[in-house]
Amino acid sequence: MIYKNVLLTGAAGLLGTVLRRRLAPQVAKLRSTDIADMADPAANEELVKADLGDLSAAQKLVDGMDAIVHFGGLSKETDFGSICRVNIAGFQSLYEAAHLAGVKRIVFASSVHAIGFYDQTEVIDAHAPTRPDSNYGIAKVFGEGLAQLYWDKFGLETVSIRIGSCEAKPSNRRHLLSWLSFDDMCQIVERSLTVPRVKHTIIYGASRNSATFWDNRYAAHIGYRPQDSADDYRNEILAADPLPDREDVVNRFQGGIFTRWNMLPQSTEEPTG
């Protein structure tokens, strides 16, 4: 990696916990933060409990950091007021603090839900217009827009990872196209902190599944080479769901359950699923 001091947000979450273990051995200093409690820091890891929505707190968090891996914020669909306060206003605070502190690069956990209303029969690339499927998805679209602004205006680089369904193993038919393994997720983050020049790059986060919704041609410079595949679970998944309802939006759109109209107060699916 080309960055010595890295801030990891959302470090108490499922994916953040995985990233803590992978990033710590590769950097000089890892500062892990979350609004929730964390434990068992690595020798070179600093644990900081903080609210990113507080600009002064964000400024303290980014002080001395070269890069940020941002996996923080509300991780499920909920009311727009909560999403706006945490995932939109909080994210803007982080970017402004990073800019003022001279941070060089941010790796942003965007999501399939920024483009969730594309049909599952379509294959899209990073130049396709956004089609958010939820309040959560709207916040991811905002985040990608903010990343573009801070690159164009201030030269702060970002890799926005439109994470598919990042779970220990795929569990439904849609995941056969959208699954991202933990190891492949970590590889994207590591590559995003290694490539010398990224500007603002949008990359789709999926493993080496034989079927896919996404074309990563515009992120080829990241050098991501997925190693895992949902195909290993295909027979098990198809046997569990032999006759899917093709009229159900979960089986029609790339955003899956997030495209349902009434899913508040929160989804039972993982945020990136």
C-alpha atoms as a PDB file:
ATOM      1  CA  MET A   1       0.000   0.000   0.000  1.00  0.00           C
ATOM      2  CA  ILE A   2       1.132   3.566  -0.634  1.00  0.00           C
ATOM      3  CA  TYR A   3      -0.529   4.955   2.501  1.00  0.00           C
ATOM      4  CA  LYS A   4       0.963   4.504   5.964  1.00  0.00           C
ATOM      5  CA  ASN A   5      -1.769   5.907   8.206  1.00  0.00           C
ATOM      6  CA  VAL A   6      -5.347   4.823   7.504  1.00  0.00           C
ATOM      7  CA  LEU A   7      -8.661   5.689   9.161  1.00  0.00           C
ATOM      8  CA  LEU A   8     -11.336   2.966   9.039  1.00  0.00           C
ATOM      9  CA  THR A   9     -14.908   4.044   9.784  1.00  0.00           C
ATOM     10  CA  GLY A  10     -17.722   1.641  10.599  1.00  0.00           C
ATOM     11  CA  ALA A  11     -15.116  -0.570  12.217  1.00  0.00           C
ATOM     12  CA  ALA A  12     -17.592  -2.331  14.550  1.00  0.00           C
ATOM     13  CA  GLY A  13     -19.808  -3.535  11.702  1.00  0.00           C
ATOM     14  CA  LEU A  14     -19.671  -6.865   9.904  1.00  0.00           C
ATOM     15  CA  LEU A  15     -17.504  -5.679   7.025  1.00  0.00           C
ATOM     16  CA  GLY A  16     -15.560  -3.244   9.183  1.00  0.00           C
ATOM     17  CA  THR A  17     -14.566  -6.057  11.542  1.00  0.00           C
ATOM     18  CA  VAL A  18     -13.265  -8.067   8.584  1.00  0.00           C
ATOM     19  CA  LEU A  19     -11.335  -5.048   7.290  1.00  0.00           C
ATOM     20  CA  ARG A  20      -9.733  -4.338  10.668  1.00  0.00           C
ATOM     21  CA  ARG A  21      -8.020  -7.707  10.613  1.00  0.00           C
ATOM     22  CA  ARG A  22      -6.870  -7.327   7.006  1.00  0.00           C
ATOM     23  CA  LEU A  23      -5.713  -3.719   7.071  1.00  0.00           C
ATOM     24  CA  ALA A  24      -3.789  -3.605  10.346  1.00  0.00           C
ATOM     25  CA  PRO A  25      -0.843  -5.779   9.164  1.00  0.00           C
ATOM     26  CA  GLN A  26      -0.465  -3.690   5.993  1.00  0.00           C
ATOM     27  CA  VAL A  27      -0.240  -0.166   7.413  1.00  0.00           C
ATOM     28  CA  ALA A  28       1.900   1.662   9.939  1.00  0.00           C
ATOM     29  CA  LYS A  29      -1.127   2.928  11.873  1.00  0.00           C
ATOM     30  CA  LEU A  30      -4.779   1.967  11.670  1.00  0.00           C
ATOM     31  CA  ARG A  31      -7.270   4.224  13.428  1.00  0.00           C
ATOM     32  CA  SER A  32     -10.579   2.361  13.704  1.00  0.00           C
ATOM     33  CA  THR A  33     -13.711   4.261  14.618  1.00  0.00           C
ATOM     34  CA  ASP A  34     -17.393   3.558  15.157  1.00  0.00           C
ATOM     35  CA  ILE A  35     -20.253   4.846  17.272  1.00  0.00           C
ATOM     36  CA  ALA A  36     -20.430   1.325  18.756  1.00  0.00           C
ATOM     37  CA  ASP A  37     -17.895  -0.368  20.999  1.00  0.00           C
ATOM     38  CA  MET A  38     -14.853  -2.173  19.560  1.00  0.00           C
ATOM     39  CA  ALA A  39     -12.365  -4.475  21.236  1.00  0.00           C
ATOM     40  CA  ASP A  40      -9.029  -6.282  20.847  1.00  0.00           C
ATOM     41  CA  PRO A  41      -6.987  -3.709  18.937  1.00  0.00           C
ATOM     42  CA  ALA A  42      -3.930  -4.773  16.969  1.00  0.00           C
ATOM     43  CA  ALA A  43      -0.557  -3.481  18.175  1.00  0.00           C
ATOM     44  CA  ASN A  44      -0.640  -0.642  15.624  1.00  0.00           C
ATOM     45  CA  GLU A  45      -4.381   0.045  15.901  1.00  0.00           C
ATOM     46  CA  GLU A  46      -6.094   2.901  17.726  1.00  0.00           C
ATOM     47  CA  LEU A  47      -9.778   2.480  18.627  1.00  0.00           C
ATOM     48  CA  VAL A  48     -11.852   5.674  18.754  1.00  0.00           C
ATOM     49  CA  LYS A  49     -15.558   5.768  19.576  1.00  0.00           C
ATOM     50  CA  ALA A  50     -17.022   8.775  17.771  1.00  0.00           C
ATOM     51  CA  ASP A  51     -19.989  10.217  15.863  1.00  0.00           C
ATOM     52  CA  LEU A  52     -19.027  11.227  12.315  1.00  0.00           C
ATOM     53  CA  GLY A  53     -21.926  13.659  12.195  1.00  0.00           C
ATOM     54  CA  ASP A  54     -19.952  15.986  14.471  1.00  0.00           C
ATOM     55  CA  LEU A  55     -17.535  17.995  12.292  1.00  0.00           C
ATOM     56  CA  SER A  56     -15.150  18.664  15.173  1.00  0.00           C
ATOM     57  CA  ALA A  57     -15.045  14.933  15.957  1.00  0.00           C
ATOM     58  CA  ALA A  58     -14.456  14.160  12.273  1.00  0.00           C
ATOM     59  CA  GLN A  59     -11.579  16.649  12.191  1.00  0.00           C
ATOM     60  CA  LYS A  60      -9.913  14.908  15.128  1.00  0.00           C
ATOM     61  CA  LEU A  61     -10.383  11.510  13.506  1.00  0.00           C
ATOM     62  CA  VAL A  62      -8.733  12.479  10.227  1.00  0.00           C
ATOM     63  CA  ASP A  63      -5.804  14.324  11.810  1.00  0.00           C
ATOM     64  CA  GLY A  64      -2.564  12.670  10.721  1.00  0.00           C
ATOM     65  CA  MET A  65      -4.275  10.228   8.357  1.00  0.00           C
ATOM     66  CA  ASP A  66      -3.145   9.671   4.754  1.00  0.00           C
ATOM     67  CA  ALA A  67      -6.247   7.769   3.602  1.00  0.00           C
ATOM     68  CA  ILE A  68      -9.736   6.834   4.791  1.00  0.00           C
ATOM     69  CA  VAL A  69     -11.698   3.620   4.299  1.00  0.00           C
ATOM     70  CA  HIS A  70     -15.281   4.737   4.889  1.00  0.00           C
ATOM     71  CA  PHE A  71     -17.659   1.904   5.784  1.00  0.00           C
ATOM     72  CA  GLY A  72     -19.541   3.879   8.441  1.00  0.00           C
ATOM     73  CA  GLY A  73     -23.113   5.163   8.657  1.00  0.00           C
ATOM     74  CA  LEU A  74     -26.545   3.591   8.937  1.00  0.00           C
ATOM     75  CA  SER A  75     -26.351   0.222   7.230  1.00  0.00           C
ATOM     76  CA  LYS A  76     -30.028  -0.527   6.560  1.00  0.00           C
ATOM     77  CA  GLU A  77     -33.010   1.221   5.015  1.00  0.00           C
ATOM     78  CA  THR A  78     -34.809   3.564   7.398  1.00  0.00           C
ATOM     79  CA  ASP A  79     -36.629   6.915   7.380  1.00  0.00           C
ATOM     80  CA  PHE A  80     -35.113   9.697   5.283  1.00  0.00           C
ATOM     81  CA  GLY A  81     -34.502  12.001   8.254  1.00  0.00           C
ATOM     82  CA  SER A  82     -32.195   9.474   9.900  1.00  0.00           C
ATOM     83  CA  ILE A  83     -30.465   8.656   6.609  1.00  0.00           C
ATOM     84  CA  CYS A  84     -29.988  12.364   5.898  1.00  0.00           C
ATOM     85  CA  ARG A  85     -28.496  13.111   9.315  1.00  0.00           C
ATOM     86  CA  VAL A  86     -26.072  10.203   9.388  1.00  0.00           C
ATOM     87  CA  ASN A  87     -25.310   9.033   5.835  1.00  0.00           C
ATOM     88  CA  ILE A  88     -25.569  12.368   4.042  1.00  0.00           C
ATOM     89  CA  ALA A  89     -24.692  15.182   6.482  1.00  0.00           C
ATOM     90  CA  GLY A  90     -22.257  12.944   8.357  1.00  0.00           C
ATOM     91  CA  PHE A  91     -20.545  11.927   5.136  1.00  0.00           C
ATOM     92  CA  GLN A  92     -20.177  15.553   4.058  1.00  0.00           C
ATOM     93  CA  SER A  93     -18.555  16.341   7.409  1.00  0.00           C
ATOM     94  CA  LEU A  94     -16.050  13.558   6.867  1.00  0.00           C
ATOM     95  CA  TYR A  95     -15.142  14.760   3.355  1.00  0.00           C
ATOM     96  CA  GLU A  96     -14.745  18.354   4.464  1.00  0.00           C
ATOM     97  CA  ALA A  97     -12.572  17.307   7.397  1.00  0.00           C
ATOM     98  CA  ALA A  98     -10.496  15.089   5.089  1.00  0.00           C
ATOM     99  CA  HIS A  99     -10.007  17.937   2.609  1.00  0.00           C
ATOM    100  CA  LEU A 100      -8.945  20.376   5.318  1.00  0.00           C
ATOM    101  CA  ALA A 101      -6.512  17.814   6.777  1.00  0.00           C
ATOM    102  CA  GLY A 102      -4.872  17.022   3.443  1.00  0.00           C
ATOM    103  CA  VAL A 103      -6.031  13.407   3.243  1.00  0.00           C
ATOM    104  CA  LYS A 104      -5.026  11.996  -0.138  1.00  0.00           C
ATOM    105  CA  ARG A 105      -7.590   9.263  -0.789  1.00  0.00           C
ATOM    106  CA  ILE A 106     -10.914   7.855   0.397  1.00  0.00           C
ATOM    107  CA  VAL A 107     -12.302   4.384  -0.257  1.00  0.00           C
ATOM    108  CA  PHE A 108     -16.080   4.689  -0.012  1.00  0.00           C
ATOM    109  CA  ALA A 109     -18.473   1.796   0.547  1.00  0.00           C
ATOM    110  CA  SER A 110     -21.159   2.713  -1.958  1.00  0.00           C
ATOM    111  CA  SER A 111     -23.737   0.116  -2.910  1.00  0.00           C
ATOM    112  CA  VAL A 112     -25.775  -1.718  -5.515  1.00  0.00           C
ATOM    113  CA  HIS A 113     -28.667   0.302  -4.113  1.00  0.00           C
ATOM    114  CA  ALA A 114     -27.415   3.374  -5.963  1.00  0.00           C
ATOM    115  CA  ILE A 115     -28.481   1.581  -9.169  1.00  0.00           C
ATOM    116  CA  GLY A 116     -31.018  -0.858  -7.712  1.00  0.00           C
ATOM    117  CA  PHE A 117     -33.864  -0.211 -10.157  1.00  0.00           C
ATOM    118  CA  TYR A 118     -32.053  -1.604 -13.171  1.00  0.00           C
ATOM    119  CA  ASP A 119     -33.549  -4.888 -14.291  1.00  0.00           C
ATOM    120  CA  GLN A 120     -31.685  -8.060 -13.440  1.00  0.00           C
ATOM    121  CA  THR A 121     -31.516  -8.860 -17.154  1.00  0.00           C
ATOM    122  CA  GLU A 122     -29.427  -5.725 -17.811  1.00  0.00           C
ATOM    123  CA  VAL A 123     -25.640  -5.440 -17.683  1.00  0.00           C
ATOM    124  CA  ILE A 124     -24.511  -1.904 -16.822  1.00  0.00           C
ATOM    125  CA  ASP A 125     -21.191  -0.115 -16.415  1.00  0.00           C
ATOM    126  CA  ALA A 126     -20.107   2.825 -14.262  1.00  0.00           C
ATOM    127  CA  HIS A 127     -21.357   5.359 -16.825  1.00  0.00           C
ATOM    128  CA  ALA A 128     -24.976   4.223 -16.513  1.00  0.00           C
ATOM    129  CA  PRO A 129     -27.183   6.823 -14.779  1.00  0.00           C
ATOM    130  CA  THR A 130     -27.943   6.118 -11.135  1.00  0.00           C
ATOM    131  CA  ARG A 131     -31.315   4.595 -10.256  1.00  0.00           C
ATOM    132  CA  PRO A 132     -31.520   4.464  -6.437  1.00  0.00           C
ATOM    133  CA  ASP A 133     -34.006   2.054  -4.899  1.00  0.00           C
ATOM    134  CA  SER A 134     -34.384   3.473  -1.373  1.00  0.00           C
ATOM    135  CA  ASN A 135     -33.452   6.251   1.043  1.00  0.00           C
ATOM    136  CA  TYR A 136     -30.291   4.264   1.672  1.00  0.00           C
ATOM    137  CA  GLY A 137     -29.600   4.194  -2.074  1.00  0.00           C
ATOM    138  CA  ILE A 138     -30.182   7.944  -2.390  1.00  0.00           C
ATOM    139  CA  ALA A 139     -27.480   8.498   0.236  1.00  0.00           C
ATOM    140  CA  LYS A 140     -25.060   6.373  -1.784  1.00  0.00           C
ATOM    141  CA  VAL A 141     -25.790   8.443  -4.894  1.00  0.00           C
ATOM    142  CA  PHE A 142     -25.102  11.568  -2.829  1.00  0.00           C
ATOM    143  CA  GLY A 143     -21.847  10.054  -1.605  1.00  0.00           C
ATOM    144  CA  GLU A 144     -20.662   9.321  -5.125  1.00  0.00           C
ATOM    145  CA  GLY A 145     -21.577  12.876  -6.167  1.00  0.00           C
ATOM    146  CA  LEU A 146     -19.675  14.289  -3.200  1.00  0.00           C
ATOM    147  CA  ALA A 147     -16.658  12.179  -4.110  1.00  0.00           C
ATOM    148  CA  GLN A 148     -16.734  13.558  -7.660  1.00  0.00           C
ATOM    149  CA  LEU A 149     -17.026  17.137  -6.365  1.00  0.00           C
ATOM    150  CA  TYR A 150     -14.062  16.806  -4.016  1.00  0.00           C
ATOM    151  CA  TRP A 151     -11.942  15.282  -6.783  1.00  0.00           C
ATOM    152  CA  ASP A 152     -12.835  17.959  -9.342  1.00  0.00           C
ATOM    153  CA  LYS A 153     -12.537  20.886  -6.943  1.00  0.00           C
ATOM    154  CA  PHE A 154      -9.834  19.811  -4.498  1.00  0.00           C
ATOM    155  CA  GLY A 155      -8.022  16.799  -5.997  1.00  0.00           C
ATOM    156  CA  LEU A 156      -9.121  14.436  -3.211  1.00  0.00           C
ATOM    157  CA  GLU A 157      -9.232  10.977  -4.811  1.00  0.00           C
ATOM    158  CA  THR A 158     -11.938   8.399  -4.126  1.00  0.00           C
ATOM    159  CA  VAL A 159     -12.737   4.851  -5.109  1.00  0.00           C
ATOM    160  CA  SER A 160     -16.492   4.308  -4.728  1.00  0.00           C
ATOM    161  CA  ILE A 161     -17.200   0.585  -4.395  1.00  0.00           C
ATOM    162  CA  ARG A 162     -20.752  -0.306  -5.396  1.00  0.00           C
ATOM    163  CA  ILE A 163     -20.831  -3.338  -3.155  1.00  0.00           C
ATOM    164  CA  GLY A 164     -23.181  -6.111  -4.214  1.00  0.00           C
ATOM    165  CA  SER A 165     -24.178  -8.751  -1.655  1.00  0.00           C
ATOM    166  CA  CYS A 166     -21.216  -9.043   0.692  1.00  0.00           C
ATOM    167  CA  GLU A 167     -21.849 -11.992   2.969  1.00  0.00           C
ATOM    168  CA  ALA A 168     -19.989 -15.065   4.158  1.00  0.00           C
ATOM    169  CA  LYS A 169     -21.778 -17.069   1.436  1.00  0.00           C
ATOM    170  CA  PRO A 170     -24.518 -16.376  -1.126  1.00  0.00           C
ATOM    171  CA  SER A 171     -27.995 -17.348   0.027  1.00  0.00           C
ATOM    172  CA  ASN A 172     -30.465 -16.627  -2.804  1.00  0.00           C
ATOM    173  CA  ARG A 173     -30.788 -16.558  -6.590  1.00  0.00           C
ATOM    174  CA  ARG A 174     -29.934 -12.892  -6.915  1.00  0.00           C
ATOM    175  CA  HIS A 175     -26.709 -13.481  -5.037  1.00  0.00           C
ATOM    176  CA  LEU A 176     -25.572 -15.775  -7.844  1.00  0.00           C
ATOM    177  CA  LEU A 177     -24.975 -12.522  -9.758  1.00  0.00           C
ATOM    178  CA  SER A 178     -24.290 -10.020  -6.969  1.00  0.00           C
ATOM    179  CA  TRP A 179     -22.289 -11.927  -4.320  1.00  0.00           C
ATOM    180  CA  LEU A 180     -19.005 -10.447  -3.083  1.00  0.00           C
ATOM    181  CA  SER A 181     -16.906 -12.602  -0.772  1.00  0.00           C
ATOM    182  CA  PHE A 182     -15.121 -11.097   2.208  1.00  0.00           C
ATOM    183  CA  ASP A 183     -11.719 -11.888   0.663  1.00  0.00           C
ATOM    184  CA  ASP A 184     -12.644 -10.242  -2.632  1.00  0.00           C
ATOM    185  CA  MET A 185     -14.017  -7.197  -0.788  1.00  0.00           C
ATOM    186  CA  CYS A 186     -10.719  -6.857   1.039  1.00  0.00           C
ATOM    187  CA  GLN A 187      -8.842  -7.182  -2.243  1.00  0.00           C
ATOM    188  CA  ILE A 188     -10.789  -4.254  -3.759  1.00  0.00           C
ATOM    189  CA  VAL A 189     -10.023  -2.091  -0.722  1.00  0.00           C
ATOM    190  CA  GLU A 190      -6.349  -3.068  -0.779  1.00  0.00           C
ATOM    191  CA  ARG A 191      -6.054  -2.374  -4.513  1.00  0.00           C
ATOM    192  CA  SER A 192      -7.836   0.952  -4.023  1.00  0.00           C
ATOM    193  CA  LEU A 193      -5.126   1.954  -1.539  1.00  0.00           C
ATOM    194  CA  THR A 194      -2.307   0.722  -3.774  1.00  0.00           C
ATOM    195  CA  VAL A 195      -2.941   2.067  -7.287  1.00  0.00           C
ATOM    196  CA  PRO A 196      -0.993   5.324  -7.783  1.00  0.00           C
ATOM    197  CA  ARG A 197      -3.802   7.272  -9.477  1.00  0.00           C
ATOM    198  CA  VAL A 198      -7.570   6.747  -9.235  1.00  0.00           C
ATOM    199  CA  LYS A 199      -9.184  10.237  -9.534  1.00  0.00           C
ATOM    200  CA  HIS A 200     -12.818   9.284  -8.767  1.00  0.00           C
ATOM    201  CA  THR A 201     -13.346   5.686  -9.787  1.00  0.00           C
ATOM    202  CA  ILE A 202     -16.596   3.761  -9.456  1.00  0.00           C
ATOM    203  CA  ILE A 203     -16.090   0.006  -9.274  1.00  0.00           C
ATOM    204  CA  TYR A 204     -18.705  -2.708  -8.910  1.00  0.00           C
ATOM    205  CA  GLY A 205     -18.066  -5.039  -6.005  1.00  0.00           C
ATOM    206  CA  ALA A 206     -18.834  -8.598  -7.058  1.00  0.00           C
ATOM    207  CA  SER A 207     -16.865 -11.820  -7.021  1.00  0.00           C
ATOM    208  CA  ARG A 208     -15.951 -13.967 -10.044  1.00  0.00           C
ATOM    209  CA  ASN A 209     -19.530 -15.122 -10.621  1.00  0.00           C
ATOM    210  CA  SER A 210     -20.205 -16.560 -14.085  1.00  0.00           C
ATOM    211  CA  ALA A 211     -23.348 -14.399 -14.389  1.00  0.00           C
ATOM    212  CA  THR A 212     -23.250 -10.716 -13.493  1.00  0.00           C
ATOM    213  CA  PHE A 213     -25.172  -7.447 -13.622  1.00  0.00           C
ATOM    214  CA  TRP A 214     -22.046  -5.345 -13.977  1.00  0.00           C
ATOM    215  CA  ASP A 215     -19.233  -4.424 -16.364  1.00  0.00           C
ATOM    216  CA  ASN A 216     -16.096  -3.046 -14.661  1.00  0.00           C
ATOM    217  CA  ARG A 217     -14.351  -1.795 -17.804  1.00  0.00           C
ATOM    218  CA  TYR A 218     -13.972   1.726 -16.403  1.00  0.00           C
ATOM    219  CA  ALA A 219     -12.256   0.428 -13.265  1.00  0.00           C
ATOM    220  CA  ALA A 220      -9.710  -1.822 -14.981  1.00  0.00           C
ATOM    221  CA  HIS A 221      -6.848   0.335 -13.661  1.00  0.00           C
ATOM    222  CA  ILE A 222      -7.671  -0.757 -10.103  1.00  0.00           C
ATOM    223  CA  GLY A 223      -6.356  -4.228 -11.003  1.00  0.00           C
ATOM    224  CA  TYR A 224      -9.094  -6.111  -9.152  1.00  0.00           C
ATOM    225  CA  ARG A 225      -8.968  -9.851  -9.871  1.00  0.00           C
ATOM    226  CA  PRO A 226     -11.739 -11.643  -7.929  1.00  0.00           C
ATOM    227  CA  GLN A 227     -10.917 -15.131  -6.722  1.00  0.00           C
ATOM    228  CA  ASP A 228     -14.196 -16.477  -5.318  1.00  0.00           C
ATOM    229  CA  SER A 229     -17.444 -17.369  -7.081  1.00  0.00           C
ATOM    230  CA  ALA A 230     -21.099 -17.802  -6.159  1.00  0.00           C
ATOM    231  CA  ASP A 231     -21.127 -20.640  -8.704  1.00  0.00           C
ATOM    232  CA  ASP A 232     -19.793 -22.928  -5.968  1.00  0.00           C
ATOM    233  CA  TYR A 233     -23.174 -22.574  -4.226  1.00  0.00           C
ATOM    234  CA  ARG A 234     -25.385 -22.645  -7.334  1.00  0.00           C
ATOM    235  CA  ASN A 235     -26.897 -26.133  -6.919  1.00  0.00           C
ATOM    236  CA  GLU A 236     -27.692 -25.527  -3.259  1.00  0.00           C
ATOM    237  CA  ILE A 237     -29.395 -22.185  -3.992  1.00  0.00           C
ATOM    238  CA  LEU A 238     -31.415 -23.426  -6.976  1.00  0.00           C
ATOM    239  CA  ALA A 239     -32.620 -26.455  -5.046  1.00  0.00           C
ATOM    240  CA  ALA A 240     -33.856 -24.240  -2.218  1.00  0.00           C
ATOM    241  CA  ASP A 241     -35.760 -21.970  -4.635  1.00  0.00           C
ATOM    242  CA  PRO A 242     -36.691 -24.030  -7.714  1.00  0.00           C
ATOM    243  CA  LEU A 243     -39.677 -21.923  -8.871  1.00  0.00           C
ATOM    244  CA  PRO A 244     -39.022 -18.223  -8.156  1.00  0.00           C
ATOM    245  CA  ASP A 245     -41.830 -15.702  -8.618  1.00  0.00           C
ATOM    246  CA  ARG A 246     -40.637 -13.623 -11.582  1.00  0.00           C
ATOM    247  CA  GLU A 247     -43.197 -10.900 -10.800  1.00  0.00           C
ATOM    248  CA  ASP A 248     -41.754 -10.292  -7.351  1.00  0.00           C
ATOM    249  CA  VAL A 249     -39.557  -7.169  -7.494  1.00  0.00           C
ATOM    250  CA  VAL A 250     -36.920  -9.044  -5.478  1.00  0.00           C
ATOM    251  CA  ASN A 251     -36.437 -11.254  -8.529  1.00  0.00           C
ATOM    252  CA  ARG A 252     -36.833  -8.456 -11.099  1.00  0.00           C
ATOM    253  CA  PHE A 253     -34.519  -5.661 -10.022  1.00  0.00           C
ATOM    254  CA  GLN A 254     -30.842  -5.526  -9.138  1.00  0.00           C
ATOM    255  CA  GLY A 255     -31.589  -3.943  -5.752  1.00  0.00           C
ATOM    256  CA  GLY A 256     -33.619  -6.947  -4.613  1.00  0.00           C
ATOM    257  CA  ILE A 257     -35.649  -6.427  -1.449  1.00  0.00           C
ATOM    258  CA  PHE A 258     -34.733  -2.735  -1.291  1.00  0.00           C
ATOM    259  CA  THR A 259     -36.979  -2.077  -4.305  1.00  0.00           C
ATOM    260  CA  ARG A 260     -40.092  -2.986  -2.314  1.00  0.00           C
ATOM    261  CA  TRP A 261     -42.237   0.012  -1.487  1.00  0.00           C
ATOM    262  CA  ASN A 262     -42.983  -0.735   2.166  1.00  0.00           C
ATOM    263  CA  MET A 263     -39.886  -2.051   3.890  1.00  0.00           C
ATOM    264  CA  LEU A 264     -39.496   0.393   6.781  1.00  0.00           C
ATOM    265  CA  PRO A 265     -38.391   0.629   9.526  1.00  0.00           C
ATOM    266  CA  GLN A 266     -35.514  -1.504   8.272  1.00  0.00           C
ATOM    267  CA  SER A 267     -34.578  -4.318   5.958  1.00  0.00           C
ATOM    268  CA  THR A 268     -33.665  -7.752   7.215  1.00  0.00           C
ATOM    269  CA  GLU A 269     -30.976  -7.957   4.547  1.00  0.00           C
ATOM    270  CA  GLU A 270     -27.408  -6.836   4.973  1.00  0.00           C
ATOM    271  CA  PRO A 271     -26.859  -3.213   3.883  1.00  0.00           C
ATOM    272  CA  THR A 272     -24.785  -4.090   0.861  1.00  0.00           C
ATOM    273  CA  GLY A 273     -27.095  -6.855  -0.282  1.00  0.00           C
END
